[in-house]
């Protein structure tokens, strides 16, 4: 993987002998970039998309090379992130479309509700997508401030594919002009400014780089009152999609740079943890999943292995990498630990605390990880299991067994040669499925 050698050498020289202080309760800035593939940024080897601000955070922090999203599409991953549990416990397994009937139920414990225990103010800016804002909204789940869309609206007009305004301030429709990435940045930085004198959690949930493919200088498209499903990718010809995707990612990188500058100006940078990741892999026809097989919607590695960067000056050693196998649902228990909050006794998190990985470079205990994707649109189901270097995948085409240590690209299917291992994986999945769908354990 390409990490800028010169930069790392300089950082290593500067920090030689550096004494890391004991962690204080940090501010937390969680940045999720939509549909960003493993190989889409410079710090993960991309030489087409310029991402200098994110690359700098990577060089000055920790790069995770085996981080995975809970889902291979957006809503399931976000449900797992917000609850610290497998998304099956919330009943959110497919991308929530435009219905008001499906969402993470309000009684579920979400991250902002727990952070309140340590005096955090919480804000979410960008894409919500775990239930319609009017019924399953963030302000009803512990967030003090929200500027969000339900789904992925037009970046300029903020109109959804079903011809409705899709931009809400504190769960009320808000007709506000501006390019979505710029608005997300503005409201994030205003929130930081307003809460600089107390602990805060800013969930920066970018809509980019999800379609419609519209860079800052591309034209608006959708208008209220018309259905836009036939032109869901936006107003541009297909030949312009990759260019627009690149421009959208550049806008996000600029956003990251502006937020870091805000933290520095307010003297908050040293006590702010920044974590950057994606909600699933990229569509391979616009983005890059690096060397990995598959894309968004798949349970091969390209669908769920994503970039992840942890940066906290003085606490996370610069220029480091970890191959600890981890998932989106691990973030909530990690943030609670860093905030000094005991896990709630009435909620069993499926995620595990990553703080020893970030702060001390430790490995994680062995565990078995699971994916299940019920595709609402195609009416198909797929599942996958990861245990150490072994991964089992079952989808509509068949079943697969891979040794990821020897075959990270998932090219050699060993399922026919290791039938006992396949049977064991199948039994484990059956047991897990019963557990996560049990109403008693939700």
Protein backbone atom coordinates (compact mmCIF):
# COMPACT_ATOMS: atom_id res chain seq x y z
CA UNK A 1 0.00 0.00 0.00
CA UNK A 2 1.31 3.42 -0.89
CA UNK A 3 1.88 5.68 2.13
CA UNK A 4 3.99 8.69 1.40
CA UNK A 5 7.44 7.46 2.47
CA UNK A 6 9.08 10.85 2.77
CA UNK A 7 6.31 12.24 4.94
CA UNK A 8 6.41 9.23 7.20
CA UNK A 9 10.19 9.45 7.51
CA UNK A 10 9.96 13.09 8.58
CA UNK A 11 7.19 12.33 11.06
CA UNK A 12 9.09 9.35 12.48
CA UNK A 13 12.18 11.50 12.94
CA UNK A 14 10.26 14.29 14.65
CA UNK A 15 8.38 11.94 16.95
CA UNK A 16 11.31 9.71 17.90
CA UNK A 17 11.29 9.39 21.65
CA UNK A 18 7.95 11.20 21.86
CA UNK A 19 6.12 10.45 25.10
CA UNK A 20 2.40 9.87 24.62
CA UNK A 21 0.29 11.32 27.39
CA UNK A 22 -2.57 9.49 29.05
CA UNK A 23 -5.78 9.97 27.06
CA UNK A 24 -8.16 12.72 28.10
CA UNK A 25 -11.83 12.72 27.22
CA UNK A 26 -11.68 13.68 23.54
CA UNK A 27 -13.96 15.55 21.24
CA UNK A 28 -14.95 13.13 18.49
CA UNK A 29 -15.33 13.96 14.81
CA UNK A 30 -16.59 10.93 12.88
CA UNK A 31 -16.48 11.41 9.10
CA UNK A 32 -18.28 8.86 6.92
CA UNK A 33 -17.84 9.29 3.16
CA UNK A 34 -20.59 7.61 1.17
CA UNK A 35 -19.72 4.87 -1.34
CA UNK A 36 -15.98 5.42 -0.96
CA UNK A 37 -13.90 2.45 -2.05
CA UNK A 38 -10.79 1.01 -0.40
CA UNK A 39 -8.57 2.31 -3.19
CA UNK A 40 -10.13 5.73 -3.71
CA UNK A 41 -7.66 7.94 -1.80
CA UNK A 42 -4.00 8.74 -2.10
CA UNK A 43 -3.14 7.21 1.27
CA UNK A 44 -4.54 3.90 -0.02
CA UNK A 45 -2.65 4.03 -3.30
CA UNK A 46 -4.86 6.14 -5.58
CA UNK A 47 -2.98 8.47 -7.95
CA UNK A 48 -6.09 9.87 -9.72
CA UNK A 49 -8.05 11.37 -6.81
CA UNK A 50 -6.14 14.14 -5.01
CA UNK A 51 -7.00 13.91 -1.29
CA UNK A 52 -4.19 15.85 0.44
CA UNK A 53 -6.11 16.75 3.60
CA UNK A 54 -7.20 13.19 4.30
CA UNK A 55 -3.77 11.86 3.33
CA UNK A 56 -2.18 14.20 5.88
CA UNK A 57 -4.43 12.85 8.64
CA UNK A 58 -3.47 9.33 7.56
CA UNK A 59 0.25 10.12 7.64
CA UNK A 60 -0.11 11.72 11.07
CA UNK A 61 -2.29 8.93 12.45
CA UNK A 62 -3.15 5.28 11.97
CA UNK A 63 -4.27 3.62 8.75
CA UNK A 64 -6.42 0.51 9.11
CA UNK A 65 -5.99 -2.05 6.34
CA UNK A 66 -8.59 -4.63 7.45
CA UNK A 67 -11.56 -2.46 8.44
CA UNK A 68 -15.00 -3.54 7.23
CA UNK A 69 -18.47 -2.11 7.02
CA UNK A 70 -21.29 -4.07 8.60
CA UNK A 71 -23.28 -3.82 5.39
CA UNK A 72 -22.44 -3.71 1.71
CA UNK A 73 -24.94 -0.86 1.25
CA UNK A 74 -25.54 2.26 3.30
CA UNK A 75 -28.49 1.87 5.72
CA UNK A 76 -27.36 -1.39 7.36
CA UNK A 77 -23.88 -0.01 8.02
CA UNK A 78 -25.28 3.19 9.52
CA UNK A 79 -27.65 1.24 11.75
CA UNK A 80 -24.73 -0.83 13.06
CA UNK A 81 -22.59 2.28 13.55
CA UNK A 82 -25.24 4.11 15.55
CA UNK A 83 -26.20 1.15 17.76
CA UNK A 84 -22.94 -0.82 18.14
CA UNK A 85 -24.86 -3.94 17.15
CA UNK A 86 -25.38 -6.06 14.10
CA UNK A 87 -27.99 -4.27 12.01
CA UNK A 88 -30.19 -7.36 12.06
CA UNK A 89 -31.08 -6.46 15.64
CA UNK A 90 -32.57 -3.22 14.29
CA UNK A 91 -34.34 -4.85 11.34
CA UNK A 92 -32.41 -2.73 8.81
CA UNK A 93 -30.74 -4.99 6.25
CA UNK A 94 -31.26 -3.20 2.96
CA UNK A 95 -30.95 0.38 1.81
CA UNK A 96 -34.02 2.21 3.08
CA UNK A 97 -35.75 3.75 0.09
CA UNK A 98 -38.45 6.38 0.41
CA UNK A 99 -40.85 4.58 2.71
CA UNK A 100 -41.80 5.91 6.13
CA UNK A 101 -42.47 2.44 7.49
CA UNK A 102 -38.93 1.12 8.02
CA UNK A 103 -36.32 2.48 10.40
CA UNK A 104 -34.29 1.94 13.54
CA UNK A 105 -36.94 2.03 16.28
CA UNK A 106 -36.67 4.92 18.74
CA UNK A 107 -36.27 2.65 21.81
CA UNK A 108 -32.96 1.41 20.40
CA UNK A 109 -29.98 2.92 22.20
CA UNK A 110 -27.89 5.11 19.89
CA UNK A 111 -24.45 6.58 20.31
CA UNK A 112 -25.50 10.17 21.04
CA UNK A 113 -27.75 9.02 23.88
CA UNK A 114 -24.84 7.28 25.55
CA UNK A 115 -22.41 10.17 25.04
CA UNK A 116 -24.83 12.45 26.87
CA UNK A 117 -23.80 10.64 30.06
CA UNK A 118 -20.37 12.28 29.82
CA UNK A 119 -21.74 15.72 28.98
CA UNK A 120 -21.23 15.53 25.22
CA UNK A 121 -23.17 17.69 22.81
CA UNK A 122 -23.88 15.73 19.63
CA UNK A 123 -24.63 16.85 16.10
CA UNK A 124 -25.17 14.98 12.84
CA UNK A 125 -24.66 16.60 9.45
CA UNK A 126 -25.45 14.97 6.11
CA UNK A 127 -27.06 11.65 5.37
CA UNK A 128 -29.26 9.97 8.03
CA UNK A 129 -30.80 7.04 6.10
CA UNK A 130 -31.80 4.80 9.02
CA UNK A 131 -35.48 5.73 8.86
CA UNK A 132 -37.49 8.73 7.70
CA UNK A 133 -36.39 11.81 9.61
CA UNK A 134 -39.98 12.67 10.53
CA UNK A 135 -40.49 9.35 12.37
CA UNK A 136 -37.05 7.92 13.17
CA UNK A 137 -35.08 11.15 13.40
CA UNK A 138 -31.75 11.96 15.05
CA UNK A 139 -33.09 14.53 17.52
CA UNK A 140 -35.29 11.79 18.97
CA UNK A 141 -32.18 9.63 19.37
CA UNK A 142 -29.98 11.91 21.46
CA UNK A 143 -28.58 14.30 18.87
CA UNK A 144 -28.81 17.93 19.97
CA UNK A 145 -28.53 19.28 16.44
CA UNK A 146 -29.15 17.80 13.01
CA UNK A 147 -28.96 18.99 9.42
CA UNK A 148 -29.70 15.87 7.42
CA UNK A 149 -31.24 14.25 4.38
CA UNK A 150 -33.16 10.99 4.40
CA UNK A 151 -31.42 9.62 1.37
CA UNK A 152 -29.25 11.00 -1.45
CA UNK A 153 -30.91 14.09 -2.92
CA UNK A 154 -29.79 16.36 -5.73
CA UNK A 155 -26.66 18.11 -4.46
CA UNK A 156 -27.91 21.53 -5.57
CA UNK A 157 -31.72 21.46 -5.29
CA UNK A 158 -31.86 18.93 -2.41
CA UNK A 159 -34.79 17.16 -4.09
CA UNK A 160 -35.12 13.39 -3.71
CA UNK A 161 -35.78 10.84 -6.45
CA UNK A 162 -39.48 10.95 -5.58
CA UNK A 163 -39.64 14.70 -6.12
CA UNK A 164 -39.67 15.85 -2.49
CA UNK A 165 -37.44 18.30 -0.66
CA UNK A 166 -35.01 16.20 1.36
CA UNK A 167 -33.10 18.52 3.68
CA UNK A 168 -34.07 18.85 7.33
CA UNK A 169 -32.94 21.03 10.21
CA UNK A 170 -33.74 19.39 13.54
CA UNK A 171 -36.29 17.14 11.82
CA UNK A 172 -38.11 20.01 10.11
CA UNK A 173 -37.94 20.60 6.35
CA UNK A 174 -35.51 23.38 5.57
CA UNK A 175 -35.18 24.96 2.14
CA UNK A 176 -31.59 26.15 2.21
CA UNK A 177 -29.56 27.01 -0.90
CA UNK A 178 -26.12 25.56 -1.45
CA UNK A 179 -24.10 22.57 -2.58
CA UNK A 180 -24.70 19.77 -0.07
CA UNK A 181 -21.06 19.11 0.77
CA UNK A 182 -20.55 22.82 1.46
CA UNK A 183 -23.64 22.96 3.69
CA UNK A 184 -22.53 19.89 5.64
CA UNK A 185 -19.15 21.53 6.17
CA UNK A 186 -20.64 24.85 7.26
CA UNK A 187 -23.03 23.35 9.79
CA UNK A 188 -20.35 21.00 11.15
CA UNK A 189 -17.93 23.84 11.73
CA UNK A 190 -20.63 26.10 13.21
CA UNK A 191 -21.50 23.29 15.63
CA UNK A 192 -17.87 22.92 16.65
CA UNK A 193 -17.56 26.67 17.16
CA UNK A 194 -20.71 26.80 19.29
CA UNK A 195 -19.69 23.85 21.46
CA UNK A 196 -15.96 24.39 21.71
CA UNK A 197 -16.06 24.75 25.50
CA UNK A 198 -17.51 21.27 26.20
CA UNK A 199 -17.03 17.76 24.84
CA UNK A 200 -18.73 17.28 21.48
CA UNK A 201 -19.46 14.52 19.00
CA UNK A 202 -19.80 15.61 15.37
CA UNK A 203 -21.05 12.90 13.03
CA UNK A 204 -20.15 14.22 9.58
CA UNK A 205 -22.17 11.90 7.36
CA UNK A 206 -21.33 13.02 3.84
CA UNK A 207 -23.78 12.35 1.03
CA UNK A 208 -20.88 12.31 -1.44
CA UNK A 209 -19.77 10.32 -3.29
CA UNK A 210 -23.19 8.68 -3.72
CA UNK A 211 -25.09 9.41 -6.93
CA UNK A 212 -26.48 11.64 -8.39
CA UNK A 213 -23.02 12.37 -9.74
CA UNK A 214 -22.75 16.14 -9.40
CA UNK A 215 -19.60 18.04 -8.62
CA UNK A 216 -19.80 21.57 -7.23
CA UNK A 217 -19.75 23.05 -10.75
CA UNK A 218 -22.17 20.59 -12.36
CA UNK A 219 -25.76 21.66 -13.04
CA UNK A 220 -28.75 21.10 -10.73
CA UNK A 221 -31.20 18.50 -11.94
CA UNK A 222 -34.18 17.41 -9.86
CA UNK A 223 -37.23 19.55 -9.18
CA UNK A 224 -40.11 19.05 -6.75
CA UNK A 225 -43.15 17.12 -7.95
CA UNK A 226 -41.53 14.76 -10.45
CA UNK A 227 -40.29 11.18 -10.11
CA UNK A 228 -36.59 10.88 -11.01
CA UNK A 229 -35.88 7.15 -10.77
CA UNK A 230 -35.06 6.88 -14.49
CA UNK A 231 -32.35 9.52 -14.14
CA UNK A 232 -31.18 8.67 -10.63
CA UNK A 233 -27.53 9.11 -11.56
CA UNK A 234 -28.07 12.79 -12.35
CA UNK A 235 -27.98 15.13 -15.34
CA UNK A 236 -24.59 14.16 -16.77
CA UNK A 237 -23.81 11.68 -19.56
CA UNK A 238 -22.31 8.42 -18.37
CA UNK A 239 -18.94 9.44 -19.76
CA UNK A 240 -18.81 12.19 -17.09
CA UNK A 241 -19.58 10.02 -14.05
CA UNK A 242 -15.98 9.28 -13.08
CA UNK A 243 -14.97 12.92 -13.44
CA UNK A 244 -17.92 14.04 -11.30
CA UNK A 245 -17.11 11.37 -8.69
CA UNK A 246 -13.57 12.72 -8.53
CA UNK A 247 -14.83 16.29 -8.11
CA UNK A 248 -17.21 15.16 -5.36
CA UNK A 249 -14.38 13.47 -3.48
CA UNK A 250 -12.18 16.55 -3.85
CA UNK A 251 -15.01 18.59 -2.31
CA UNK A 252 -15.15 16.17 0.62
CA UNK A 253 -11.38 16.37 1.06
CA UNK A 254 -11.63 20.17 1.10
CA UNK A 255 -14.36 19.81 3.73
CA UNK A 256 -12.06 17.73 5.91
CA UNK A 257 -9.37 20.37 5.55
CA UNK A 258 -11.78 23.13 6.62
CA UNK A 259 -12.89 21.18 9.69
CA UNK A 260 -9.31 20.50 10.74
CA UNK A 261 -8.55 24.21 10.30
CA UNK A 262 -11.55 25.09 12.50
CA UNK A 263 -10.32 22.74 15.22
CA UNK A 264 -6.83 24.23 15.02
CA UNK A 265 -8.10 27.81 15.15
CA UNK A 266 -10.11 27.04 18.28
CA UNK A 267 -7.21 25.25 19.96
CA UNK A 268 -9.10 21.93 19.93
CA UNK A 269 -6.98 19.84 17.60
CA UNK A 270 -4.87 18.19 20.30
CA UNK A 271 -7.94 16.90 22.11
CA UNK A 272 -10.00 15.82 19.12
CA UNK A 273 -10.14 12.31 17.74
CA UNK A 274 -10.91 12.25 14.02
CA UNK A 275 -12.01 9.00 12.44
CA UNK A 276 -12.64 8.73 8.70
CA UNK A 277 -14.23 5.79 6.90
CA UNK A 278 -16.90 4.78 4.35
CA UNK A 279 -20.29 3.09 4.62
CA UNK A 280 -19.55 0.42 1.96
CA UNK A 281 -17.37 -0.19 -1.06
CA UNK A 282 -17.55 1.86 -4.24
CA UNK A 283 -19.30 1.04 -7.46
CA UNK A 284 -16.31 -0.17 -9.43
CA UNK A 285 -17.42 1.71 -12.56
CA UNK A 286 -16.84 5.08 -10.86
CA UNK A 287 -14.60 4.41 -7.86
CA UNK A 288 -11.85 2.02 -6.83
CA UNK A 289 -11.93 -0.87 -4.39
CA UNK A 290 -8.20 -1.34 -4.78
CA UNK A 291 -7.14 -4.94 -5.36
CA UNK A 292 -10.33 -6.43 -3.98
CA UNK A 293 -13.03 -8.40 -5.75
CA UNK A 294 -16.55 -7.05 -5.98
CA UNK A 295 -18.18 -3.70 -5.32
CA UNK A 296 -21.01 -2.05 -3.42
CA UNK A 297 -23.80 -4.59 -2.95
CA UNK A 298 -21.41 -7.58 -2.86
CA UNK A 299 -20.17 -9.58 0.10
CA UNK A 300 -16.81 -10.10 -1.54
CA UNK A 301 -14.12 -7.87 -0.04
CA UNK A 302 -14.70 -4.99 -2.44
CA UNK A 303 -18.21 -4.55 -1.07
CA UNK A 304 -17.25 -4.07 2.57
CA UNK A 305 -13.50 -3.65 3.10
CA UNK A 306 -13.08 0.13 3.24
CA UNK A 307 -10.54 2.78 4.18
CA UNK A 308 -10.37 3.77 7.84
CA UNK A 309 -8.12 6.38 9.44
CA UNK A 310 -7.79 7.22 13.14
CA UNK A 311 -6.06 10.45 14.12
CA UNK A 312 -5.63 11.90 17.62
CA UNK A 313 -2.46 13.96 18.14
CA UNK A 314 -0.38 12.84 21.09
CA UNK A 315 -2.35 9.65 21.55
CA UNK A 316 -2.32 7.76 18.23
CA UNK A 317 1.22 7.36 16.98
CA UNK A 318 1.79 8.96 13.57
CA UNK A 319 2.71 6.91 10.54
CA UNK A 320 1.27 3.65 11.86
CA UNK A 321 -0.80 0.90 10.29
CA UNK A 322 -2.88 -1.89 11.76
CA UNK A 323 -4.20 -5.07 10.21
CA UNK A 324 -6.63 -5.63 13.09
CA UNK A 325 -9.85 -7.00 11.63
CA UNK A 326 -12.60 -4.63 12.70
CA UNK A 327 -16.07 -3.43 11.74
CA UNK A 328 -18.26 -0.36 11.80
CA UNK A 329 -20.13 -1.62 14.87
CA UNK A 330 -16.86 -1.42 16.84
CA UNK A 331 -16.87 2.38 16.78
CA UNK A 332 -19.60 2.94 19.36
CA UNK A 333 -18.00 0.88 22.17
CA UNK A 334 -14.64 2.44 21.30
CA UNK A 335 -15.96 5.99 21.57
CA UNK A 336 -17.69 5.20 24.85
CA UNK A 337 -14.48 3.82 26.31
CA UNK A 338 -12.51 6.88 25.26
CA UNK A 339 -15.22 9.10 26.75
CA UNK A 340 -14.96 7.23 30.04
CA UNK A 341 -18.51 5.85 29.82
CA UNK A 342 -19.41 2.43 31.15
CA UNK A 343 -21.42 0.36 28.64
CA UNK A 344 -25.12 0.26 29.51
CA UNK A 345 -26.06 -2.86 31.43
CA UNK A 346 -29.30 -3.34 29.52
CA UNK A 347 -27.70 -3.29 26.04
CA UNK A 348 -25.34 -5.94 24.67
CA UNK A 349 -23.05 -4.47 22.05
CA UNK A 350 -21.82 -6.77 19.29
CA UNK A 351 -18.90 -4.44 18.56
CA UNK A 352 -15.62 -4.47 20.44
CA UNK A 353 -13.46 -1.67 21.82
CA UNK A 354 -10.66 -0.66 19.41
CA UNK A 355 -8.93 1.79 21.74
CA UNK A 356 -6.01 -0.55 22.51
CA UNK A 357 -5.42 -0.92 18.77
CA UNK A 358 -5.37 2.84 18.18
CA UNK A 359 -3.53 3.96 21.31
CA UNK A 360 -1.14 1.06 21.89
CA UNK A 361 -0.91 -0.72 18.55
CA UNK A 362 -2.23 -3.96 20.01
CA UNK A 363 -3.99 -6.72 18.13
CA UNK A 364 -7.53 -7.89 18.82
CA UNK A 365 -8.63 -11.24 20.21
CA UNK A 366 -9.85 -13.71 17.62
CA UNK A 367 -13.55 -13.46 16.84
CA UNK A 368 -15.97 -14.56 14.16
CA UNK A 369 -17.63 -11.81 12.12
CA UNK A 370 -20.82 -12.07 10.10
CA UNK A 371 -22.54 -10.33 7.21
CA UNK A 372 -26.07 -10.94 5.94
CA UNK A 373 -27.60 -8.89 3.16
CA UNK A 374 -31.24 -9.17 2.24
CA UNK A 375 -31.53 -7.17 -0.96
CA UNK A 376 -34.93 -5.49 -0.89
CA UNK A 377 -34.82 -4.69 -4.59
CA UNK A 378 -33.66 -8.02 -6.05
CA UNK A 379 -35.29 -10.17 -3.35
CA UNK A 380 -32.06 -12.13 -2.88
CA UNK A 381 -30.04 -12.99 0.21
CA UNK A 382 -26.32 -13.43 0.68
CA UNK A 383 -24.18 -13.99 3.72
CA UNK A 384 -20.51 -14.15 4.64
CA UNK A 385 -18.44 -15.22 7.64
CA UNK A 386 -14.88 -14.22 8.54
CA UNK A 387 -12.75 -16.12 11.02
CA UNK A 388 -9.08 -15.28 11.07
CA UNK A 389 -7.84 -15.50 7.48
CA UNK A 390 -10.75 -17.69 6.41
CA UNK A 391 -13.84 -16.28 4.75
CA UNK A 392 -16.97 -18.07 3.58
CA UNK A 393 -19.45 -16.46 1.16
CA UNK A 394 -22.85 -17.78 0.09
CA UNK A 395 -24.81 -15.91 -2.59
CA UNK A 396 -27.18 -16.66 -5.45
CA UNK A 397 -24.30 -17.84 -7.65
CA UNK A 398 -23.04 -20.42 -5.17
CA UNK A 399 -20.72 -20.80 -2.21
CA UNK A 400 -17.09 -19.78 -1.80
CA UNK A 401 -14.31 -20.35 0.69
CA UNK A 402 -11.17 -18.20 0.62
CA UNK A 403 -7.92 -18.00 2.55
CA UNK A 404 -7.48 -14.23 2.57
CA UNK A 405 -3.88 -14.43 3.76
CA UNK A 406 -2.87 -16.32 0.63
CA UNK A 407 -5.63 -15.03 -1.63
CA UNK A 408 -6.79 -11.52 -0.65
CA UNK A 409 -8.30 -11.02 -4.12
CA UNK A 410 -10.66 -13.97 -3.57
CA UNK A 411 -9.78 -15.73 -6.79
CA UNK A 412 -9.38 -19.33 -5.55
CA UNK A 413 -12.57 -20.98 -4.30
CA UNK A 414 -11.64 -23.72 -1.82
CA UNK A 415 -15.16 -24.71 -0.81
CA UNK A 416 -14.99 -28.01 -2.69
CA UNK A 417 -11.76 -29.05 -0.96
CA UNK A 418 -12.58 -28.13 2.63
CA UNK A 419 -16.08 -29.37 3.18
CA UNK A 420 -15.74 -29.78 6.96
CA UNK A 421 -14.76 -26.14 7.28
CA UNK A 422 -17.68 -25.13 5.06
CA UNK A 423 -20.08 -27.15 7.19
CA UNK A 424 -18.74 -25.55 10.36
CA UNK A 425 -19.17 -22.06 8.90
CA UNK A 426 -22.73 -22.86 7.84
CA UNK A 427 -23.61 -24.07 11.34
CA UNK A 428 -22.08 -21.00 12.93
CA UNK A 429 -24.05 -18.75 10.63
CA UNK A 430 -27.26 -20.57 11.53
CA UNK A 431 -26.56 -20.06 15.25
CA UNK A 432 -25.68 -16.39 14.73
CA UNK A 433 -28.79 -15.80 12.63
CA UNK A 434 -31.02 -17.17 15.39
CA UNK A 435 -29.30 -14.94 17.92
CA UNK A 436 -29.50 -11.61 16.04
CA UNK A 437 -33.09 -12.11 14.97
CA UNK A 438 -34.30 -13.11 18.43
CA UNK A 439 -36.77 -10.52 19.67
CA UNK A 440 -35.49 -11.05 23.22
CA UNK A 441 -32.01 -9.81 22.35
CA UNK A 442 -32.82 -6.79 20.26
